[in-house]
Amino acid sequence: MNTTAQSPRHRRVDEETPLLANGRAGLAKNETASITERLNRHFVADVSKNWADLVLLFCYIITGLLDSSAVFIWGSFVSMQTGNTVYLGLGIVAPSESIRWIKAITSIASFCVGSFFFARFHRFLGGRKRWVLVSSYTLQLLLIVAAALVVTYGHDESDDKERLHWQVLVPLGAVAFQSSGQAVTSRVLQYSGLTSVVLTSNYCDLFSDPNLFSLKNVERNRRIAAPVLLFVGAMFGGLWAHSSVGLAGALWTAAALKAAAVVAWIVWSADPDEQ
């Protein structure tokens, strides 16, 4: 009797088993490919401009936080270059009276270089593409974190208004450079009035609006929200600057807020035209 012969049942199991295994492997591979494809579509899509002004308005808090604490500790703005230009003009007239003008020109130059960089970054890689916005804000976040690390572990900031060293100029330049990214984003998203660094024109446009008292006026609402949010950020920046944590606390708080903006762009809805 041939003991090596297999029953029909055993032959059926042997024939089916590899097919089932291959089927499961193929299904897992297809699911992985599907997830990768969905993620790729998600990140290359343009983000929707609908309600995107909320993220830009949120950035006014970051601006107020950084500018108020930087002026108090460093004696220079990191976002509002109008004030720095005034400091520069005063310093050129009397350069020996203060070193504030050197910090001012450092901030102005960094902001201008940052604007040049971020504008071309968006223009060449795709203005409203999700991955471009996420990359831009991630870079801004990293620059704030780098500045926070220098301020936290670098030196005593108690006399930074009267001192000139790299532990001031480097973080000052880094924060000014990143602040230009917020301004460029307002152009990319076509909310030119929400630069997050200027309020003078905002006040002018607000109070010259013929529909100032209209119940439904979205532009008016944005122009009111911008200075209010910057004011809130400035108050918290002042609180940090007067506290034991000083400028470092303001920078780490700004980093956390910037990280929230990065997350917002990751989950933001895509442009309806691409769906």
Foldseek 3Di string as FASTA:
>chain_A
DDPPDDDPVVVVCVVCVVVVVVVVVVVVVVVVVVVVVVLVLLQQFFFALVVPVVLLLLCLLLQLLQQLLCCLQQVEGQFQLVVLVVVLVVCVVPVVVFVSNVLSVLSVVLLVVLLVVLLVLCVVSPLRRLNSVLVLLVQLLVLLVVLLVLCVPPDDRRRNRHDDDCSSSSSSSSNSSSLSNSQSNCVSSVVNVSSSRDLPVLVVCQVVPPCNPPPDDVSNVSSVSNVVSSVNSNVVSVVQCPDPNGSSVSSVVSSVSSVVSSVCSSPGHGHPVSD
